[in-house]
Every structure is written in structure tokens, then in C-alpha cells.
Amino acid sequence: MPRAAQPPRRTRIVLAEVSRPASRADRTRSELAQQTRVGETLVQGLVRAQLTLALRLSLLVLIGLGGLPWLFAIAPSVGRVTVLGINLPWLLLGVVAFPFLIGVGWAYVRLAERNEQDFTDLVQRPER
């Protein structure tokens, strides 16, 4: 008895995973994770930017608040001015200083977050 023709055997075809070349962002993240010289340099750049920001705003506070006693010592007539029955030195150092410090703190947080976002954008920027 002749054998019945067997249907061809089924072959399963699987698309090979296409390995994409490592992008610049992947290499940068890898260098950050592995703490290579490039990653270390990038992190040092971020730290330097944050330190520069902190020093600039500290200088602003030092000049803004530290300069007032100098002003009153150099020009005593300014220290004798009254506003709404309150001496100007008391008003500036006792009342106006707090909103000034809050504003500087708010600016620091915003600018520090922007530095961090710029760093993140740099790390995740696609290769051109």
C-alpha cells in the first residue's frame, strides 16, 4: 500500500531580534552608572553648577542683608528715617528680610531644579 503523502513539515519562522546600536544616551547612562571618567566629569559639572548657583545666591543675601548695617553706619541719617512710625533699620531687618530670604530660597529651588533638568536632558539627549 502506498504511503499517503505526508504534508510538509511546518517550519516556525521567528524574526531575529534586531539589536540596535547603543545610542549616545545609553552610553552616557552606562558611564554614569559605572562611574567612568566621563560619567564622573558629567556629575562634577552638575555639582559645579549647583555650587556656583549656591554661591551666587549666598553673595546676594550677604550683600542684601549684610550691606544694610554698613549703610546705616556710613549714612546715619538713613538709619533715623521712620516709615509708618517704625525706624527704617527695624523695618528692613525685622520685616522685609524674611520675604527676601523666602524669595531667594524659592529662586534657589527653581534654578537648582532647572540645572538638574538640563543635566537630565543632556544625559537623555538622542544622538544626532
Protein backbone atom coordinates (compact mmCIF):
# COMPACT_ATOMS: atom_id res chain seq x y z
CA MET A 1 0.00 0.00 0.00
CA PRO A 2 1.44 3.25 -0.98
CA ARG A 3 2.02 5.64 1.79
CA ALA A 4 -0.16 8.70 1.87
CA ALA A 5 1.74 11.81 1.02
CA GLN A 6 2.72 13.48 4.21
CA PRO A 7 2.07 17.18 4.38
CA PRO A 8 5.24 19.21 4.53
CA ARG A 9 6.52 19.70 7.97
CA ARG A 10 5.65 23.07 9.47
CA THR A 11 8.53 25.40 9.96
CA ARG A 12 8.36 28.11 12.55
CA ILE A 13 9.97 31.34 11.44
CA VAL A 14 10.92 33.82 14.12
CA LEU A 15 12.17 37.25 13.36
CA ALA A 16 15.53 37.77 14.88
CA GLU A 17 15.73 40.49 17.44
CA VAL A 18 17.27 43.44 15.79
CA SER A 19 19.93 44.77 18.03
CA ARG A 20 20.03 48.48 17.73
CA PRO A 21 23.32 50.21 18.19
CA ALA A 22 23.80 51.73 21.58
CA SER A 23 22.67 55.32 21.48
CA ARG A 24 24.63 58.17 22.96
CA ALA A 25 22.11 58.44 25.80
CA ASP A 26 22.54 54.75 26.60
CA ARG A 27 26.32 55.10 26.63
CA THR A 28 26.11 58.18 28.84
CA ARG A 29 23.77 56.47 31.30
CA SER A 30 26.07 53.47 31.33
CA GLU A 31 29.06 55.68 32.03
CA LEU A 32 27.18 57.36 34.87
CA ALA A 33 26.17 54.01 36.36
CA GLN A 34 29.66 52.55 36.01
CA GLN A 35 31.25 55.72 37.34
CA THR A 36 33.70 56.08 34.47
CA ARG A 37 35.75 59.22 33.90
CA VAL A 38 33.14 60.60 31.51
CA GLY A 39 30.32 59.93 33.97
CA GLU A 40 32.36 61.40 36.79
CA THR A 41 33.03 64.51 34.70
CA LEU A 42 29.32 64.91 33.95
CA VAL A 43 28.41 64.63 37.63
CA GLN A 44 31.19 67.07 38.57
CA GLY A 45 29.73 69.52 36.06
CA LEU A 46 26.33 69.25 37.74
CA VAL A 47 27.85 69.67 41.20
CA ARG A 48 29.86 72.68 39.99
CA ALA A 49 26.72 74.28 38.52
CA GLN A 50 24.82 73.75 41.79
CA LEU A 51 27.72 75.11 43.84
CA THR A 52 28.00 78.17 41.60
CA LEU A 53 24.29 78.81 42.00
CA ALA A 54 24.50 78.46 45.79
CA LEU A 55 27.49 80.83 45.99
CA ARG A 56 25.82 83.45 43.79
CA LEU A 57 22.65 83.48 45.85
CA SER A 58 24.65 83.47 49.09
CA LEU A 59 26.50 86.52 47.81
CA LEU A 60 23.16 88.16 47.03
CA VAL A 61 21.97 87.54 50.59
CA LEU A 62 25.28 88.71 52.03
CA ILE A 63 25.16 91.95 50.06
CA GLY A 64 21.42 92.45 50.54
CA LEU A 65 21.25 91.86 54.28
CA GLY A 66 24.86 92.33 55.31
CA GLY A 67 25.08 95.63 53.47
CA LEU A 68 22.25 97.21 55.44
CA PRO A 69 24.20 97.66 58.69
CA TRP A 70 27.05 99.16 56.64
CA LEU A 71 24.59 101.53 55.02
CA PHE A 72 23.25 102.63 58.40
CA ALA A 73 26.80 103.06 59.76
CA ILE A 74 28.00 105.05 56.76
CA ALA A 75 24.87 107.17 56.41
CA PRO A 76 23.35 107.56 59.92
CA SER A 77 20.64 109.84 58.53
CA VAL A 78 19.19 106.85 56.64
CA GLY A 79 19.02 104.91 59.91
CA ARG A 80 16.92 107.67 61.50
CA VAL A 81 14.20 107.57 58.80
CA THR A 82 10.82 106.34 60.01
CA VAL A 83 8.17 104.65 57.90
CA LEU A 84 4.69 104.32 59.44
CA GLY A 85 6.20 105.15 62.82
CA ILE A 86 8.84 102.38 62.59
CA ASN A 87 12.55 103.08 62.21
CA LEU A 88 13.80 102.03 58.76
CA PRO A 89 16.50 99.66 60.11
CA TRP A 90 13.90 97.76 62.15
CA LEU A 91 11.56 97.62 59.21
CA LEU A 92 14.19 96.37 56.78
CA LEU A 93 15.99 93.92 59.05
CA GLY A 94 12.98 92.76 61.06
CA VAL A 95 10.22 92.61 58.46
CA VAL A 96 11.48 92.87 54.90
CA ALA A 97 14.34 90.39 55.44
CA PHE A 98 12.00 87.41 55.77
CA PRO A 99 10.19 87.78 52.43
CA PHE A 100 13.59 88.50 50.86
CA LEU A 101 15.01 85.22 52.24
CA ILE A 102 11.92 83.30 51.17
CA GLY A 103 12.26 84.74 47.67
CA VAL A 104 15.93 83.80 47.48
CA GLY A 105 15.09 80.29 48.71
CA TRP A 106 12.33 79.94 46.12
CA ALA A 107 14.69 81.15 43.38
CA TYR A 108 17.36 78.68 44.52
CA VAL A 109 14.97 75.73 44.34
CA ARG A 110 13.71 76.74 40.89
CA LEU A 111 17.20 77.31 39.48
CA ALA A 112 18.62 74.13 41.07
CA GLU A 113 15.78 72.10 39.55
CA ARG A 114 16.50 73.71 36.19
CA ASN A 115 20.17 72.71 36.50
CA GLU A 116 19.12 69.15 37.24
CA GLN A 117 16.67 69.15 34.33
CA ASP A 118 19.40 70.43 32.00
CA PHE A 119 21.65 67.61 33.22
CA THR A 120 18.91 65.04 32.66
CA ASP A 121 18.25 66.42 29.18
CA LEU A 122 21.96 66.21 28.41
CA VAL A 123 22.12 62.58 29.53
CA GLN A 124 18.96 61.56 27.67
CA ARG A 125 19.58 63.60 24.52
CA PRO A 126 19.43 61.34 21.47
CA GLU A 127 22.40 61.06 19.19
CA ARG A 128 22.23 63.35 16.19
